Protein backbone atom coordinates (compact mmCIF):
# COMPACT_ATOMS: atom_id res chain seq x y z
CA MET A 1 -114.88 17.36 -95.26
CA ILE A 2 -114.84 13.56 -94.86
CA ASN A 3 -118.02 11.61 -95.65
CA GLU A 4 -119.24 8.60 -93.70
CA SER A 5 -117.83 6.00 -96.11
CA SER A 6 -114.30 7.38 -95.99
CA SER A 7 -114.12 8.64 -92.40
CA TYR A 8 -112.11 5.68 -91.09
CA THR A 9 -109.57 5.89 -93.91
CA GLY A 10 -109.40 9.64 -93.50
CA ARG A 11 -108.60 9.43 -89.79
CA ARG A 12 -105.90 6.82 -90.41
CA ALA A 13 -104.36 8.88 -93.17
CA PHE A 14 -104.47 11.94 -90.98
CA LEU A 15 -102.60 10.21 -88.14
CA ARG A 16 -100.03 8.72 -90.52
CA THR A 17 -99.41 12.07 -92.15
CA GLY A 18 -99.35 13.88 -88.84
CA MET A 19 -96.72 11.59 -87.33
CA ALA A 20 -94.52 12.02 -90.39
CA GLY A 21 -94.97 15.76 -90.17
CA ILE A 22 -93.95 15.91 -86.49
CA GLY A 23 -90.84 13.85 -87.25
CA SER A 24 -89.87 16.12 -90.12
CA TRP A 25 -90.36 19.18 -87.91
CA ALA A 26 -88.08 17.72 -85.26
CA LEU A 27 -85.42 16.76 -87.82
CA SER A 28 -85.48 20.17 -89.47
CA SER A 29 -85.20 21.84 -86.06
CA LEU A 30 -82.15 19.77 -85.14
CA LEU A 31 -80.49 20.37 -88.50
CA ALA A 32 -81.22 24.08 -88.27
CA GLY A 33 -79.65 24.19 -84.82
CA GLU A 34 -76.49 22.44 -86.01
CA THR A 35 -76.29 24.72 -89.04
CA ALA A 36 -76.74 27.85 -86.97
CA ALA A 37 -74.10 26.73 -84.50
CA THR A 38 -71.53 26.19 -87.24
CA THR A 39 -72.31 29.01 -89.67
CA LEU A 40 -73.65 31.93 -87.65
CA GLY A 41 -71.42 34.17 -85.57
CA THR A 42 -71.75 37.31 -83.51
CA HIS A 43 -71.54 40.82 -84.95
CA PHE A 44 -67.97 41.07 -83.69
CA PRO A 45 -65.60 38.16 -82.96
CA PRO A 46 -65.69 37.71 -79.14
CA LYS A 47 -62.34 38.01 -77.39
CA ALA A 48 -63.63 36.48 -74.13
CA LYS A 49 -64.46 32.79 -73.86
CA ARG A 50 -66.12 32.97 -70.46
CA VAL A 51 -67.13 35.55 -67.88
CA ILE A 52 -67.16 35.29 -64.08
CA PHE A 53 -69.30 37.99 -62.49
CA LEU A 54 -69.00 38.40 -58.72
CA TYR A 55 -71.99 40.17 -57.24
CA MET A 56 -71.09 40.68 -53.59
CA MET A 57 -74.22 41.95 -51.91
CA GLY A 58 -73.31 43.73 -48.69
CA ALA A 59 -69.64 44.22 -49.62
CA PRO A 60 -67.76 47.39 -48.58
CA SER A 61 -68.66 50.61 -50.33
CA GLN A 62 -66.78 51.49 -53.51
CA VAL A 63 -65.92 54.79 -51.79
CA ASP A 64 -63.75 52.78 -49.37
CA LEU A 65 -62.19 50.59 -52.09
CA PHE A 66 -61.46 52.15 -55.48
CA ASP A 67 -63.64 55.25 -55.92
CA HIS A 68 -61.49 57.97 -54.43
CA LYS A 69 -63.45 61.10 -53.39
CA PRO A 70 -60.99 63.87 -52.49
CA GLU A 71 -63.72 66.54 -52.26
CA LEU A 72 -65.78 64.33 -49.97
CA LEU A 73 -62.74 63.77 -47.78
CA LYS A 74 -62.02 67.50 -47.76
CA ASN A 75 -65.53 68.32 -46.56
CA SER A 76 -65.99 65.32 -44.27
CA GLY A 77 -67.91 66.26 -41.13
CA LYS A 78 -69.60 69.27 -42.72
CA PRO A 79 -73.37 69.36 -43.38
CA ILE A 80 -74.33 68.10 -46.81
CA PRO A 81 -74.95 71.00 -49.27
CA GLU A 82 -78.59 71.93 -49.74
CA SER A 83 -78.13 71.60 -53.50
CA LEU A 84 -77.62 67.86 -53.13
CA LEU A 85 -80.78 67.43 -51.07
CA LYS A 86 -83.03 69.43 -53.38
CA GLU A 87 -85.61 67.21 -55.10
CA SER A 88 -83.79 64.08 -53.90
CA MET A 89 -84.79 61.11 -51.79
CA PHE A 90 -82.44 59.08 -49.63
CA ALA A 91 -83.35 55.88 -47.83
CA PHE A 92 -83.24 56.02 -44.01
CA ILE A 93 -81.92 59.62 -44.04
CA THR A 94 -83.84 62.50 -42.52
CA GLY A 95 -82.93 66.12 -41.89
CA ARG A 96 -79.60 67.44 -43.10
CA PRO A 97 -76.88 64.86 -42.37
CA ASP A 98 -73.12 65.41 -42.33
CA LEU A 99 -70.77 64.24 -45.07
CA LEU A 100 -68.49 61.31 -44.31
CA GLY A 101 -65.27 60.69 -46.20
CA SER A 102 -63.50 57.35 -46.29
CA PRO A 103 -61.25 56.72 -43.27
CA TYR A 104 -58.89 54.56 -45.34
CA PRO A 105 -55.78 55.87 -47.17
CA PHE A 106 -55.59 55.67 -50.97
CA GLN A 107 -52.51 55.28 -53.13
CA LYS A 108 -51.85 55.37 -56.88
CA ALA A 109 -51.45 52.03 -58.63
CA GLY A 110 -50.70 50.70 -62.11
CA ASP A 111 -49.60 52.65 -65.17
CA SER A 112 -52.80 54.67 -65.11
CA GLY A 113 -52.20 55.86 -61.57
CA ILE A 114 -55.66 54.87 -60.41
CA MET A 115 -56.28 55.47 -56.72
CA ILE A 116 -56.91 52.27 -54.75
CA SER A 117 -57.52 51.93 -51.04
CA ASP A 118 -55.14 50.27 -48.59
CA LEU A 119 -57.95 47.75 -48.06
CA LEU A 120 -57.02 46.19 -51.44
CA PRO A 121 -53.22 45.77 -51.42
CA LYS A 122 -53.29 42.70 -53.68
CA ILE A 123 -55.66 44.35 -56.16
CA ARG A 124 -53.28 47.31 -56.24
CA GLU A 125 -50.50 44.98 -57.46
CA ILE A 126 -52.51 43.93 -60.54
CA ALA A 127 -54.22 47.26 -61.20
CA GLY A 128 -52.69 47.43 -64.68
CA GLU A 129 -54.64 44.32 -65.71
CA LEU A 130 -58.03 45.59 -64.53
CA THR A 131 -60.64 47.95 -65.93
CA PHE A 132 -62.52 50.15 -63.48
CA ILE A 133 -65.86 51.61 -64.62
CA ARG A 134 -66.85 54.51 -62.40
CA THR A 135 -69.24 56.40 -64.66
CA MET A 136 -72.46 54.51 -63.85
CA HIS A 137 -74.91 55.73 -61.26
CA THR A 138 -78.54 55.34 -60.27
CA ASP A 139 -81.08 57.41 -58.39
CA GLU A 140 -82.75 54.34 -56.93
CA VAL A 141 -82.89 54.50 -53.14
CA GLY A 142 -84.20 51.00 -52.32
CA HIS A 143 -82.03 47.89 -52.17
CA ALA A 144 -84.28 45.72 -54.36
CA ALA A 145 -84.67 48.31 -57.14
CA ALA A 146 -80.96 49.15 -57.06
CA GLU A 147 -80.08 45.47 -57.32
CA LEU A 148 -82.27 45.08 -60.40
CA PHE A 149 -80.71 48.19 -61.89
CA LEU A 150 -77.23 46.74 -61.38
CA GLN A 151 -78.16 43.37 -62.88
CA SER A 152 -80.24 44.52 -65.85
CA GLY A 153 -79.88 48.29 -66.28
CA PHE A 154 -83.51 48.80 -65.26
CA ALA A 155 -85.08 49.10 -61.82
CA ARG A 156 -88.16 47.03 -62.73
CA VAL A 157 -88.51 43.31 -63.41
CA GLY A 158 -88.74 41.86 -66.91
CA ARG A 159 -85.40 42.81 -68.43
CA PRO A 160 -82.56 40.35 -69.21
CA SER A 161 -79.85 40.10 -66.58
CA PHE A 162 -76.15 40.73 -67.07
CA GLY A 163 -75.38 37.02 -67.44
CA SER A 164 -78.17 36.53 -69.96
CA TRP A 165 -76.75 39.23 -72.22
CA VAL A 166 -73.30 37.64 -71.97
CA SER A 167 -74.76 34.27 -72.90
CA TYR A 168 -76.69 35.85 -75.76
CA GLY A 169 -73.59 37.60 -77.07
CA LEU A 170 -70.94 34.89 -76.65
CA GLY A 171 -73.05 31.77 -77.07
CA THR A 172 -71.96 28.48 -75.56
CA MET A 173 -69.31 25.86 -76.31
CA ASN A 174 -71.65 23.02 -75.30
CA LYS A 175 -75.31 23.13 -76.27
CA ASP A 176 -76.13 20.31 -73.82
CA LEU A 177 -75.01 22.30 -70.76
CA PRO A 178 -76.27 25.61 -69.39
CA ALA A 179 -74.45 28.60 -70.85
CA TYR A 180 -75.14 30.67 -67.75
CA VAL A 181 -74.99 29.25 -64.22
CA VAL A 182 -75.50 30.97 -60.87
CA LEU A 183 -73.72 30.15 -57.60
CA SER A 184 -75.74 31.91 -54.93
CA ALA A 185 -74.46 31.71 -51.36
CA SER A 186 -77.39 33.69 -49.95
CA PRO A 187 -80.81 34.89 -51.16
CA THR A 188 -80.91 38.08 -53.20
CA TYR A 189 -83.50 40.82 -52.82
CA ASN A 190 -85.19 39.84 -56.09
CA GLY A 191 -84.70 36.07 -56.15
CA SER A 192 -84.64 34.53 -59.61
CA ASN A 193 -85.32 37.94 -61.18
CA THR A 194 -81.65 38.61 -60.50
CA TRP A 195 -80.64 36.07 -63.18
CA THR A 196 -83.72 36.08 -65.42
CA SER A 197 -83.49 36.01 -69.21
CA GLY A 198 -86.30 38.58 -69.48
CA PHE A 199 -87.50 38.85 -73.07
CA LEU A 200 -84.58 36.78 -74.39
CA PRO A 201 -85.08 33.06 -75.11
CA ALA A 202 -85.25 30.83 -72.03
CA ALA A 203 -81.92 29.23 -73.01
CA HIS A 204 -80.25 32.36 -71.63
CA GLN A 205 -81.90 32.02 -68.22
CA GLY A 206 -79.41 31.52 -65.40
CA VAL A 207 -79.40 28.01 -63.92
CA ARG A 208 -78.86 28.15 -60.17
CA LEU A 209 -76.59 25.53 -58.61
CA ARG A 210 -77.20 24.81 -54.93
CA SER A 211 -75.02 23.21 -52.28
CA GLY A 212 -76.00 19.85 -50.86
CA PRO A 213 -76.86 16.46 -52.37
CA GLU A 214 -79.10 17.92 -55.08
CA PRO A 215 -77.37 20.85 -56.82
CA LEU A 216 -80.12 21.00 -59.47
CA PHE A 217 -83.79 20.38 -58.79
CA TYR A 218 -85.83 17.78 -60.70
CA LEU A 219 -82.86 15.76 -62.00
CA SER A 220 -82.89 13.01 -59.36
CA ASN A 221 -85.19 10.00 -59.58
CA PRO A 222 -88.36 10.17 -57.48
CA PRO A 223 -88.50 8.05 -54.29
CA GLY A 224 -88.82 4.37 -55.13
CA ILE A 225 -87.58 4.79 -58.71
CA THR A 226 -84.11 3.59 -59.71
């Protein structure tokens, strides 16, 4: 406690000490950041320097592009088996619909012989340089939930997005610029939840760049200020 005779001196000493403490905190934080950037690495040396992820909402179905379904084509036009409808929900589908195979021809491509549709002739030429992952699936029947599942691996909000995990794993070559940017041509079902950092630090949040005179909000001077 500070008595009446020393209260003025005590307050002045407190402010002087407090200002010095805040400065030391800031300096230690900066030094720690520089040290971490130069001495800490990832668990495994990253082979990729940058990642471009194209999320094409409304694009053609994978069944018409690179996910060849010979059994589906064989049974196209027949009623869907009851076993596939049991305990399942499908959006906008009632009754017992017919199966529909892709109307587009598929051909083998690359050394692996992967089947690729005639809709992607240029992709077929570079098939040997690509990796196709066709083992993931979801039972989500709504667009919004399925979009979240694709972006984060979970159908509910609050989890880090694909880009946030890439940023978290690879880091950034410039700490003064965003490590993860978003170029969105049209609104997504979940808005900013599509590129959220979830429970990761906010530095891994996607920064959306917009078209027009102000690509980033809140960087321009207010009206009347130069």
